[in-house]
C-alpha atoms as a PDB file:
ATOM      1  CA  MET A   1     103.962  83.052 131.844  1.00  0.00           C
ATOM      2  CA  ARG A   2     104.656  82.517 128.153  1.00  0.00           C
ATOM      3  CA  TRP A   3     104.029  85.474 125.923  1.00  0.00           C
ATOM      4  CA  SER A   4     102.878  85.531 122.299  1.00  0.00           C
ATOM      5  CA  THR A   5     104.778  87.086 119.341  1.00  0.00           C
ATOM      6  CA  PHE A   6     102.859  89.311 117.132  1.00  0.00           C
ATOM      7  CA  LEU A   7     103.565  90.137 113.468  1.00  0.00           C
ATOM      8  CA  SER A   8     101.602  92.026 110.952  1.00  0.00           C
ATOM      9  CA  ARG A   9     101.153  90.814 107.394  1.00  0.00           C
ATOM     10  CA  ASN A  10      98.724  91.825 104.696  1.00  0.00           C
ATOM     11  CA  GLN A  11      96.755  93.735 107.364  1.00  0.00           C
ATOM     12  CA  HIS A  12      96.100  90.559 109.453  1.00  0.00           C
ATOM     13  CA  ASN A  13      97.335  89.986 112.865  1.00  0.00           C
ATOM     14  CA  VAL A  14      99.488  86.855 113.248  1.00  0.00           C
ATOM     15  CA  ILE A  15      99.710  85.078 116.457  1.00  0.00           C
ATOM     16  CA  ILE A  16     102.620  82.695 117.328  1.00  0.00           C
ATOM     17  CA  GLU A  17     102.138  80.520 120.421  1.00  0.00           C
ATOM     18  CA  GLY A  18      98.978  80.427 122.236  1.00  0.00           C
ATOM     19  CA  VAL A  19      96.487  82.198 124.543  1.00  0.00           C
ATOM     20  CA  GLU A  20      97.714  81.812 128.158  1.00  0.00           C
ATOM     21  CA  SER A  21      94.941  83.483 130.124  1.00  0.00           C
ATOM     22  CA  GLU A  22      91.327  84.926 130.137  1.00  0.00           C
ATOM     23  CA  ALA A  23      93.042  88.344 130.230  1.00  0.00           C
ATOM     24  CA  HIS A  24      95.149  87.526 127.501  1.00  0.00           C
ATOM     25  CA  LYS A  25      92.113  86.280 125.434  1.00  0.00           C
ATOM     26  CA  LYS A  26      90.375  89.459 126.229  1.00  0.00           C
ATOM     27  CA  TRP A  27      93.312  91.342 124.945  1.00  0.00           C
ATOM     28  CA  LEU A  28      93.245  89.456 121.717  1.00  0.00           C
ATOM     29  CA  GLN A  29      89.675  90.098 120.762  1.00  0.00           C
ATOM     30  CA  GLY A  30      89.185  91.561 117.612  1.00  0.00           C
ATOM     31  CA  MET A  31      92.186  89.791 116.022  1.00  0.00           C
ATOM     32  CA  GLU A  32      90.208  87.000 114.106  1.00  0.00           C
ATOM     33  CA  TRP A  33      92.926  85.601 111.960  1.00  0.00           C
ATOM     34  CA  PHE A  34      95.527  83.297 113.442  1.00  0.00           C
ATOM     35  CA  ALA A  35      98.635  81.703 111.685  1.00  0.00           C
ATOM     36  CA  ILE A  36      98.722  77.754 112.239  1.00  0.00           C
ATOM     37  CA  GLN A  37     101.770  76.151 110.389  1.00  0.00           C
ATOM     38  CA  GLY A  38     102.179  79.016 108.129  1.00  0.00           C
ATOM     39  CA  HIS A  39      98.498  78.953 106.851  1.00  0.00           C
ATOM     40  CA  TYR A  40      95.635  81.429 107.865  1.00  0.00           C
ATOM     41  CA  TRP A  41      92.525  79.912 109.454  1.00  0.00           C
ATOM     42  CA  LYS A  42      89.550  81.812 110.698  1.00  0.00           C
ATOM     43  CA  GLU A  43      88.973  81.158 114.609  1.00  0.00           C
ATOM     44  CA  VAL A  44      86.423  78.586 115.372  1.00  0.00           C
ATOM     45  CA  SER A  45      85.286  77.265 118.710  1.00  0.00           C
ATOM     46  CA  ILE A  46      86.231  73.829 119.979  1.00  0.00           C
ATOM     47  CA  GLU A  47      82.643  72.627 119.275  1.00  0.00           C
ATOM     48  CA  GLN A  48      83.084  73.500 115.467  1.00  0.00           C
ATOM     49  CA  LEU A  49      86.525  71.693 115.376  1.00  0.00           C
ATOM     50  CA  VAL A  50      85.127  68.451 116.638  1.00  0.00           C
ATOM     51  CA  LYS A  51      82.328  68.492 114.072  1.00  0.00           C
ATOM     52  CA  GLU A  52      82.625  66.130 111.072  1.00  0.00           C
ATOM     53  CA  GLU A  53      82.025  69.135 108.756  1.00  0.00           C
ATOM     54  CA  ILE A  54      83.296  72.591 109.408  1.00  0.00           C
ATOM     55  CA  THR A  55      82.164  75.745 107.457  1.00  0.00           C
ATOM     56  CA  VAL A  56      84.319  78.604 107.755  1.00  0.00           C
END
């Protein structure tokens, strides 16, 4: 199993890599900000991602 690397910056949790299992997803609850290509994005569901307009 691949594990994620965690860093702390500006009081936000930064997750590198991805969620590997339901247990991992549960463990990550409460960490609402993720780093994607150097930018911070609020977590959204797959349903929100496939919509034309996304409000975050």
